[in-house]
Amino acid sequence: MARFRFKLQRLLHVRAIGEELARAEFAGAQRAALQAQSEVEAARAGLASAERELELVRARDGARSALVAERTLPALLRNIASSRKRLEAAQHAVAAAQAAWQARRSDVRALEKLEERAFNQFLEHEREREDRALQETIERRAALEARPTSPTEPES
């Protein structure tokens, strides 16, 4: 039996590598988005902690101390806003990386389907070839058996 060789094997290999790289980029973008989400949560926790401390300062030290402590709140709010912007950018990067990965995966799957079809055609041609060879063998044997024996040939 002849050996199957897919004509587009190199292209399939290159596209599979590209798909793996795109998947790795997608995973990296997901990690970055999770990190950005953690930063947003940490900034919110910092603001909540500062607000609790402000309430304690108001209760304990009075309004003047509370006014001084309130000056830290805008910086914490800006930190939350910038963390949200980084999270949004990271989420957009995840969406773009996922789309790129899915597109490359579709390309690989299309080539894999082509390879499967080509392999099935190869198997069919091989079966046909084997059937023809078997038929020829049967016909030769039948022709040999039907051939009359000549008087000079010894009969078996």
N, C-alpha and C. Protein backbone atom coordinates (compact mmCIF):
# COMPACT_ATOMS: atom_id res chain seq x y z
N MET A 1 0.85 -1.18 0.00
CA MET A 1 0.00 0.00 0.00
C MET A 1 0.89 1.24 0.00
N ALA A 2 0.55 2.18 -0.85
CA ALA A 2 1.29 3.43 -0.92
C ALA A 2 1.05 4.24 0.35
N ARG A 3 1.94 5.16 0.57
CA ARG A 3 1.84 5.98 1.77
C ARG A 3 1.09 7.27 1.47
N PHE A 4 0.23 7.69 2.41
CA PHE A 4 -0.54 8.92 2.22
C PHE A 4 0.33 10.13 2.52
N ARG A 5 0.25 11.12 1.65
CA ARG A 5 0.95 12.37 1.87
C ARG A 5 0.00 13.50 1.53
N PHE A 6 -0.27 14.33 2.54
CA PHE A 6 -1.16 15.49 2.34
C PHE A 6 -0.34 16.61 1.72
N LYS A 7 -0.78 17.11 0.59
CA LYS A 7 -0.01 18.12 -0.14
C LYS A 7 0.13 19.42 0.63
N LEU A 8 -0.83 19.72 1.48
CA LEU A 8 -0.81 20.98 2.22
C LEU A 8 -0.32 20.79 3.66
N GLN A 9 0.44 19.73 3.91
CA GLN A 9 0.88 19.42 5.27
C GLN A 9 1.72 20.55 5.88
N ARG A 10 2.62 21.11 5.09
CA ARG A 10 3.45 22.20 5.60
C ARG A 10 2.60 23.41 5.99
N LEU A 11 1.65 23.73 5.12
CA LEU A 11 0.77 24.86 5.42
C LEU A 11 -0.04 24.58 6.68
N LEU A 12 -0.54 23.35 6.80
CA LEU A 12 -1.28 22.97 8.01
C LEU A 12 -0.40 23.12 9.24
N HIS A 13 0.84 22.69 9.14
CA HIS A 13 1.77 22.79 10.27
C HIS A 13 2.01 24.26 10.65
N VAL A 14 2.24 25.09 9.64
CA VAL A 14 2.48 26.52 9.90
C VAL A 14 1.25 27.16 10.54
N ARG A 15 0.08 26.83 10.01
CA ARG A 15 -1.15 27.41 10.57
C ARG A 15 -1.42 26.88 11.97
N ALA A 16 -1.09 25.64 12.24
CA ALA A 16 -1.27 25.10 13.58
C ALA A 16 -0.36 25.82 14.57
N ILE A 17 0.85 26.11 14.16
CA ILE A 17 1.77 26.88 15.02
C ILE A 17 1.22 28.28 15.25
N GLY A 18 0.73 28.91 14.19
CA GLY A 18 0.12 30.24 14.32
C GLY A 18 -1.07 30.22 15.26
N GLU A 19 -1.87 29.15 15.17
CA GLU A 19 -3.03 29.02 16.06
C GLU A 19 -2.59 28.86 17.51
N GLU A 20 -1.54 28.09 17.74
CA GLU A 20 -1.01 27.92 19.10
C GLU A 20 -0.49 29.25 19.65
N LEU A 21 0.19 30.01 18.82
CA LEU A 21 0.68 31.32 19.25
C LEU A 21 -0.48 32.27 19.57
N ALA A 22 -1.51 32.24 18.74
CA ALA A 22 -2.67 33.10 18.98
C ALA A 22 -3.38 32.68 20.27
N ARG A 23 -3.42 31.37 20.52
CA ARG A 23 -4.04 30.90 21.77
C ARG A 23 -3.22 31.34 22.97
N ALA A 24 -1.90 31.32 22.84
CA ALA A 24 -1.04 31.78 23.92
C ALA A 24 -1.23 33.28 24.17
N GLU A 25 -1.37 34.05 23.09
CA GLU A 25 -1.63 35.49 23.24
C GLU A 25 -2.97 35.72 23.93
N PHE A 26 -3.95 34.93 23.56
CA PHE A 26 -5.27 35.03 24.20
C PHE A 26 -5.16 34.73 25.69
N ALA A 27 -4.43 33.69 26.04
CA ALA A 27 -4.25 33.34 27.46
C ALA A 27 -3.52 34.45 28.20
N GLY A 28 -2.53 35.05 27.55
CA GLY A 28 -1.82 36.17 28.16
C GLY A 28 -2.72 37.38 28.37
N ALA A 29 -3.58 37.64 27.40
CA ALA A 29 -4.52 38.76 27.52
C ALA A 29 -5.52 38.49 28.64
N GLN A 30 -5.94 37.23 28.78
CA GLN A 30 -6.85 36.89 29.88
C GLN A 30 -6.17 37.11 31.24
N ARG A 31 -4.90 36.70 31.33
CA ARG A 31 -4.16 36.92 32.60
C ARG A 31 -4.06 38.41 32.90
N ALA A 32 -3.78 39.21 31.88
CA ALA A 32 -3.67 40.66 32.07
C ALA A 32 -5.01 41.24 32.51
N ALA A 33 -6.10 40.75 31.95
CA ALA A 33 -7.43 41.24 32.34
C ALA A 33 -7.74 40.85 33.79
N LEU A 34 -7.37 39.65 34.17
CA LEU A 34 -7.58 39.24 35.57
C LEU A 34 -6.75 40.10 36.51
N GLN A 35 -5.53 40.42 36.10
CA GLN A 35 -4.69 41.29 36.92
C GLN A 35 -5.32 42.68 37.03
N ALA A 36 -5.83 43.20 35.92
CA ALA A 36 -6.47 44.52 35.95
C ALA A 36 -7.72 44.48 36.82
N GLN A 37 -8.48 43.39 36.75
CA GLN A 37 -9.67 43.25 37.61
C GLN A 37 -9.26 43.24 39.08
N SER A 38 -8.17 42.57 39.39
CA SER A 38 -7.67 42.55 40.77
C SER A 38 -7.26 43.95 41.23
N GLU A 39 -6.67 44.71 40.31
CA GLU A 39 -6.27 46.08 40.65
C GLU A 39 -7.49 46.94 40.95
N VAL A 40 -8.54 46.78 40.15
CA VAL A 40 -9.78 47.55 40.39
C VAL A 40 -10.35 47.18 41.75
N GLU A 41 -10.41 45.89 42.03
CA GLU A 41 -10.94 45.44 43.33
C GLU A 41 -10.09 45.94 44.49
N ALA A 42 -8.76 45.94 44.31
CA ALA A 42 -7.87 46.44 45.35
C ALA A 42 -8.08 47.94 45.56
N ALA A 43 -8.26 48.68 44.46
CA ALA A 43 -8.49 50.13 44.57
C ALA A 43 -9.81 50.40 45.27
N ARG A 44 -10.84 49.64 44.94
CA ARG A 44 -12.13 49.80 45.62
C ARG A 44 -12.02 49.46 47.10
N ALA A 45 -11.28 48.40 47.40
CA ALA A 45 -11.08 48.03 48.80
C ALA A 45 -10.32 49.12 49.54
N GLY A 46 -9.34 49.72 48.87
CA GLY A 46 -8.59 50.83 49.48
C GLY A 46 -9.49 52.02 49.76
N LEU A 47 -10.40 52.33 48.82
CA LEU A 47 -11.34 53.43 49.02
C LEU A 47 -12.28 53.12 50.18
N ALA A 48 -12.80 51.90 50.22
CA ALA A 48 -13.70 51.52 51.31
C ALA A 48 -12.99 51.60 52.66
N SER A 49 -11.75 51.18 52.69
CA SER A 49 -10.97 51.25 53.93
C SER A 49 -10.74 52.71 54.34
N ALA A 50 -10.44 53.56 53.36
CA ALA A 50 -10.22 54.98 53.65
C ALA A 50 -11.51 55.63 54.16
N GLU A 51 -12.65 55.24 53.58
CA GLU A 51 -13.93 55.81 54.04
C GLU A 51 -14.23 55.37 55.48
N ARG A 52 -13.92 54.12 55.81
CA ARG A 52 -14.13 53.66 57.20
C ARG A 52 -13.22 54.41 58.17
N GLU A 53 -11.97 54.60 57.75
CA GLU A 53 -11.04 55.35 58.61
C GLU A 53 -11.49 56.79 58.76
N LEU A 54 -12.03 57.37 57.70
CA LEU A 54 -12.53 58.74 57.76
C LEU A 54 -13.66 58.85 58.78
N GLU A 55 -14.56 57.90 58.78
CA GLU A 55 -15.65 57.89 59.75
C GLU A 55 -15.10 57.80 61.18
N LEU A 56 -14.08 56.99 61.36
CA LEU A 56 -13.46 56.87 62.69
C LEU A 56 -12.80 58.18 63.10
N VAL A 57 -12.12 58.82 62.14
CA VAL A 57 -11.46 60.11 62.43
C VAL A 57 -12.51 61.16 62.77
N ARG A 58 -13.60 61.19 62.06
CA ARG A 58 -14.68 62.14 62.35
C ARG A 58 -15.21 61.93 63.75
N ALA A 59 -15.44 60.69 64.10
CA ALA A 59 -16.01 60.38 65.41
C ALA A 59 -15.00 60.69 66.52
N ARG A 60 -13.75 60.42 66.26
CA ARG A 60 -12.73 60.55 67.31
C ARG A 60 -12.13 61.95 67.39
N ASP A 61 -11.74 62.53 66.26
CA ASP A 61 -10.97 63.78 66.29
C ASP A 61 -11.74 65.01 65.85
N GLY A 62 -12.90 64.85 65.29
CA GLY A 62 -13.70 66.02 64.93
C GLY A 62 -13.61 66.34 63.44
N ALA A 63 -14.26 67.47 63.11
CA ALA A 63 -14.44 67.85 61.71
C ALA A 63 -13.15 68.30 61.05
N ARG A 64 -12.28 69.00 61.81
CA ARG A 64 -11.03 69.49 61.20
C ARG A 64 -10.14 68.34 60.74
N SER A 65 -10.00 67.37 61.55
CA SER A 65 -9.18 66.21 61.17
C SER A 65 -9.83 65.46 60.01
N ALA A 66 -11.14 65.43 60.01
CA ALA A 66 -11.86 64.75 58.93
C ALA A 66 -11.63 65.47 57.61
N LEU A 67 -11.59 66.80 57.62
CA LEU A 67 -11.32 67.56 56.40
C LEU A 67 -9.94 67.23 55.85
N VAL A 68 -8.97 67.11 56.71
CA VAL A 68 -7.62 66.76 56.27
C VAL A 68 -7.61 65.34 55.68
N ALA A 69 -8.29 64.43 56.34
CA ALA A 69 -8.34 63.04 55.88
C ALA A 69 -9.10 62.90 54.56
N GLU A 70 -10.08 63.78 54.33
CA GLU A 70 -10.88 63.70 53.10
C GLU A 70 -10.06 64.04 51.87
N ARG A 71 -8.94 64.71 52.04
CA ARG A 71 -8.10 65.08 50.89
C ARG A 71 -7.50 63.84 50.21
N THR A 72 -7.45 62.73 50.89
CA THR A 72 -6.91 61.50 50.28
C THR A 72 -7.93 60.81 49.37
N LEU A 73 -9.21 61.11 49.56
CA LEU A 73 -10.25 60.43 48.79
C LEU A 73 -10.17 60.69 47.29
N PRO A 74 -9.97 61.92 46.82
CA PRO A 74 -9.90 62.14 45.36
C PRO A 74 -8.78 61.33 44.69
N ALA A 75 -7.66 61.20 45.35
CA ALA A 75 -6.56 60.40 44.78
C ALA A 75 -6.98 58.93 44.65
N LEU A 76 -7.70 58.46 45.67
CA LEU A 76 -8.17 57.07 45.62
C LEU A 76 -9.21 56.89 44.52
N LEU A 77 -10.07 57.87 44.32
CA LEU A 77 -11.07 57.81 43.25
C LEU A 77 -10.40 57.84 41.87
N ARG A 78 -9.36 58.67 41.72
CA ARG A 78 -8.61 58.70 40.45
C ARG A 78 -7.93 57.35 40.21
N ASN A 79 -7.44 56.74 41.28
CA ASN A 79 -6.81 55.43 41.16
C ASN A 79 -7.83 54.39 40.65
N ILE A 80 -9.04 54.45 41.20
CA ILE A 80 -10.10 53.54 40.74
C ILE A 80 -10.42 53.79 39.28
N ALA A 81 -10.53 55.05 38.89
CA ALA A 81 -10.86 55.40 37.50
C ALA A 81 -9.77 54.91 36.54
N SER A 82 -8.52 55.11 36.91
CA SER A 82 -7.44 54.65 36.02
C SER A 82 -7.38 53.12 35.98
N SER A 83 -7.68 52.48 37.09
CA SER A 83 -7.72 51.01 37.12
C SER A 83 -8.85 50.49 36.24
N ARG A 84 -9.98 51.18 36.25
CA ARG A 84 -11.09 50.78 35.38
C ARG A 84 -10.72 50.94 33.91
N LYS A 85 -10.01 52.01 33.56
CA LYS A 85 -9.59 52.21 32.18
C LYS A 85 -8.63 51.10 31.74
N ARG A 86 -7.69 50.72 32.63
CA ARG A 86 -6.79 49.63 32.30
C ARG A 86 -7.56 48.32 32.14
N LEU A 87 -8.58 48.12 32.98
CA LEU A 87 -9.40 46.91 32.88
C LEU A 87 -10.16 46.89 31.55
N GLU A 88 -10.72 48.04 31.18
CA GLU A 88 -11.44 48.13 29.91
C GLU A 88 -10.53 47.82 28.73
N ALA A 89 -9.32 48.39 28.76
CA ALA A 89 -8.35 48.14 27.69
C ALA A 89 -7.96 46.66 27.67
N ALA A 90 -7.79 46.08 28.84
CA ALA A 90 -7.43 44.65 28.91
C ALA A 90 -8.57 43.78 28.39
N GLN A 91 -9.81 44.16 28.68
CA GLN A 91 -10.95 43.39 28.18
C GLN A 91 -11.06 43.49 26.66
N HIS A 92 -10.77 44.66 26.10
CA HIS A 92 -10.77 44.82 24.64
C HIS A 92 -9.65 43.97 24.03
N ALA A 93 -8.50 43.95 24.70
CA ALA A 93 -7.38 43.13 24.21
C ALA A 93 -7.76 41.65 24.24
N VAL A 94 -8.49 41.23 25.28
CA VAL A 94 -8.94 39.83 25.36
C VAL A 94 -9.87 39.52 24.20
N ALA A 95 -10.81 40.41 23.93
CA ALA A 95 -11.76 40.19 22.84
C ALA A 95 -11.04 40.11 21.49
N ALA A 96 -10.07 41.00 21.27
CA ALA A 96 -9.32 40.99 20.01
C ALA A 96 -8.48 39.72 19.89
N ALA A 97 -7.82 39.33 20.98
CA ALA A 97 -7.00 38.12 20.95
C ALA A 97 -7.86 36.88 20.74
N GLN A 98 -9.04 36.87 21.34
CA GLN A 98 -9.92 35.72 21.16
C GLN A 98 -10.40 35.63 19.71
N ALA A 99 -10.73 36.76 19.14
CA ALA A 99 -11.17 36.77 17.74
C ALA A 99 -10.05 36.28 16.81
N ALA A 100 -8.83 36.74 17.07
CA ALA A 100 -7.69 36.30 16.25
C ALA A 100 -7.46 34.80 16.41
N TRP A 101 -7.55 34.33 17.64
CA TRP A 101 -7.35 32.89 17.89
C TRP A 101 -8.43 32.07 17.19
N GLN A 102 -9.69 32.52 17.31
CA GLN A 102 -10.78 31.78 16.68
C GLN A 102 -10.64 31.75 15.16
N ALA A 103 -10.19 32.86 14.59
CA ALA A 103 -9.99 32.91 13.14
C ALA A 103 -8.90 31.93 12.71
N ARG A 104 -7.82 31.90 13.46
CA ARG A 104 -6.75 30.97 13.13
C ARG A 104 -7.18 29.53 13.36
N ARG A 105 -7.97 29.32 14.39
CA ARG A 105 -8.47 27.96 14.65
C ARG A 105 -9.37 27.50 13.51
N SER A 106 -10.18 28.42 12.99
CA SER A 106 -11.04 28.08 11.85
C SER A 106 -10.20 27.70 10.63
N ASP A 107 -9.11 28.43 10.39
CA ASP A 107 -8.22 28.11 9.28
C ASP A 107 -7.63 26.71 9.44
N VAL A 108 -7.20 26.40 10.66
CA VAL A 108 -6.62 25.08 10.91
C VAL A 108 -7.66 23.98 10.72
N ARG A 109 -8.85 24.21 11.24
CA ARG A 109 -9.90 23.20 11.10
C ARG A 109 -10.26 22.97 9.64
N ALA A 110 -10.28 24.04 8.86
CA ALA A 110 -10.59 23.89 7.43
C ALA A 110 -9.53 23.02 6.76
N LEU A 111 -8.27 23.25 7.07
CA LEU A 111 -7.22 22.43 6.49
C LEU A 111 -7.28 20.99 7.00
N GLU A 112 -7.64 20.82 8.26
CA GLU A 112 -7.78 19.46 8.80
C GLU A 112 -8.90 18.70 8.07
N LYS A 113 -9.99 19.41 7.77
CA LYS A 113 -11.07 18.77 7.02
C LYS A 113 -10.62 18.41 5.61
N LEU A 114 -9.84 19.29 4.99
CA LEU A 114 -9.30 18.99 3.67
C LEU A 114 -8.39 17.76 3.73
N GLU A 115 -7.59 17.69 4.78
CA GLU A 115 -6.70 16.54 4.94
C GLU A 115 -7.51 15.26 5.11
N GLU A 116 -8.56 15.34 5.90
CA GLU A 116 -9.40 14.17 6.11
C GLU A 116 -10.05 13.71 4.80
N ARG A 117 -10.55 14.66 4.02
CA ARG A 117 -11.14 14.32 2.72
C ARG A 117 -10.11 13.69 1.80
N ALA A 118 -8.92 14.29 1.77
CA ALA A 118 -7.86 13.75 0.91
C ALA A 118 -7.47 12.34 1.35
N PHE A 119 -7.42 12.12 2.65
CA PHE A 119 -7.08 10.79 3.15
C PHE A 119 -8.16 9.77 2.77
N ASN A 120 -9.41 10.17 2.90
CA ASN A 120 -10.50 9.27 2.51
C ASN A 120 -10.46 8.95 1.02
N GLN A 121 -10.15 9.96 0.20
CA GLN A 121 -10.01 9.72 -1.24
C GLN A 121 -8.83 8.79 -1.52
N PHE A 122 -7.75 8.99 -0.80
CA PHE A 122 -6.59 8.13 -0.94
C PHE A 122 -6.96 6.68 -0.61
N LEU A 123 -7.67 6.50 0.50
CA LEU A 123 -8.08 5.14 0.88
C LEU A 123 -8.99 4.52 -0.18
N GLU A 124 -9.89 5.31 -0.73
CA GLU A 124 -10.80 4.81 -1.76
C GLU A 124 -10.01 4.39 -3.01
N HIS A 125 -9.05 5.21 -3.42
CA HIS A 125 -8.24 4.86 -4.58
C HIS A 125 -7.41 3.61 -4.31
N GLU A 126 -6.91 3.48 -3.11
CA GLU A 126 -6.14 2.29 -2.75
C GLU A 126 -7.02 1.04 -2.79
N ARG A 127 -8.23 1.16 -2.27
CA ARG A 127 -9.16 0.02 -2.31
C ARG A 127 -9.47 -0.35 -3.76
N GLU A 128 -9.71 0.65 -4.61
CA GLU A 128 -10.00 0.39 -6.02
C GLU A 128 -8.80 -0.28 -6.69
N ARG A 129 -7.61 0.19 -6.39
CA ARG A 129 -6.40 -0.40 -6.98
C ARG A 129 -6.25 -1.86 -6.54
N GLU A 130 -6.45 -2.11 -5.25
CA GLU A 130 -6.36 -3.48 -4.75
C GLU A 130 -7.44 -4.37 -5.36
N ASP A 131 -8.65 -3.82 -5.54
CA ASP A 131 -9.72 -4.59 -6.17
C ASP A 131 -9.37 -4.93 -7.62
N ARG A 132 -8.80 -3.96 -8.35
CA ARG A 132 -8.39 -4.23 -9.73
C ARG A 132 -7.31 -5.29 -9.79
N ALA A 133 -6.34 -5.20 -8.88
CA ALA A 133 -5.26 -6.19 -8.86
C ALA A 133 -5.82 -7.58 -8.54
N LEU A 134 -6.72 -7.64 -7.60
CA LEU A 134 -7.34 -8.92 -7.25
C LEU A 134 -8.16 -9.47 -8.43
N GLN A 135 -8.88 -8.59 -9.11
CA GLN A 135 -9.68 -9.01 -10.26
C GLN A 135 -8.77 -9.53 -11.38
N GLU A 136 -7.65 -8.85 -11.60
CA GLU A 136 -6.71 -9.31 -12.62
C GLU A 136 -6.15 -10.69 -12.26
N THR A 137 -5.85 -10.91 -11.01
CA THR A 137 -5.34 -12.21 -10.57
C THR A 137 -6.39 -13.29 -10.79
N ILE A 138 -7.63 -12.99 -10.45
CA ILE A 138 -8.72 -13.95 -10.65
C ILE A 138 -8.88 -14.26 -12.14
N GLU A 139 -8.84 -13.22 -12.99
CA GLU A 139 -8.99 -13.42 -14.42
C GLU A 139 -7.84 -14.24 -15.00
N ARG A 140 -6.61 -14.01 -14.54
CA ARG A 140 -5.46 -14.80 -15.00
C ARG A 140 -5.62 -16.26 -14.63
N ARG A 141 -6.00 -16.50 -13.39
CA ARG A 141 -6.19 -17.88 -12.95
C ARG A 141 -7.29 -18.57 -13.77
N ALA A 142 -8.36 -17.84 -13.99
CA ALA A 142 -9.46 -18.42 -14.78
C ALA A 142 -8.99 -18.70 -16.20
N ALA A 143 -8.20 -17.80 -16.77
CA ALA A 143 -7.69 -18.01 -18.13
C ALA A 143 -6.74 -19.20 -18.17
N LEU A 144 -5.91 -19.34 -17.16
CA LEU A 144 -4.99 -20.47 -17.11
C LEU A 144 -5.75 -21.79 -16.96
N GLU A 145 -6.77 -21.78 -16.16
CA GLU A 145 -7.55 -23.00 -15.95
C GLU A 145 -8.38 -23.36 -17.19
N ALA A 146 -8.81 -22.39 -17.93
CA ALA A 146 -9.64 -22.64 -19.11
C ALA A 146 -8.80 -22.99 -20.34
N ARG A 147 -7.55 -22.74 -20.30
CA ARG A 147 -6.68 -23.00 -21.43
C ARG A 147 -6.57 -24.51 -21.65
N PRO A 148 -6.77 -24.95 -22.87
CA PRO A 148 -6.64 -26.40 -23.11
C PRO A 148 -5.18 -26.82 -23.02
N THR A 149 -4.98 -27.99 -22.51
CA THR A 149 -3.61 -28.49 -22.37
C THR A 149 -3.15 -29.08 -23.69
N SER A 150 -1.96 -28.84 -24.07
CA SER A 150 -1.43 -29.37 -25.33
C SER A 150 -0.93 -30.80 -25.12
N PRO A 151 -0.88 -31.60 -26.17
CA PRO A 151 -0.50 -33.00 -26.01
C PRO A 151 0.95 -33.16 -25.56
N THR A 152 1.78 -32.18 -25.77
CA THR A 152 3.18 -32.31 -25.37
C THR A 152 3.37 -32.00 -23.91
N GLU A 153 2.43 -31.32 -23.33
CA GLU A 153 2.54 -30.99 -21.91
C GLU A 153 2.04 -32.16 -21.08
N PRO A 154 2.76 -32.50 -20.05
CA PRO A 154 2.27 -33.56 -19.17
C PRO A 154 1.12 -33.00 -18.31
N GLU A 155 0.13 -33.84 -18.12
CA GLU A 155 -1.01 -33.41 -17.30
C GLU A 155 -0.68 -33.64 -15.85
N SER A 156 -1.11 -32.77 -15.02
CA SER A 156 -0.84 -32.89 -13.61
C SER A 156 -1.94 -33.58 -12.87
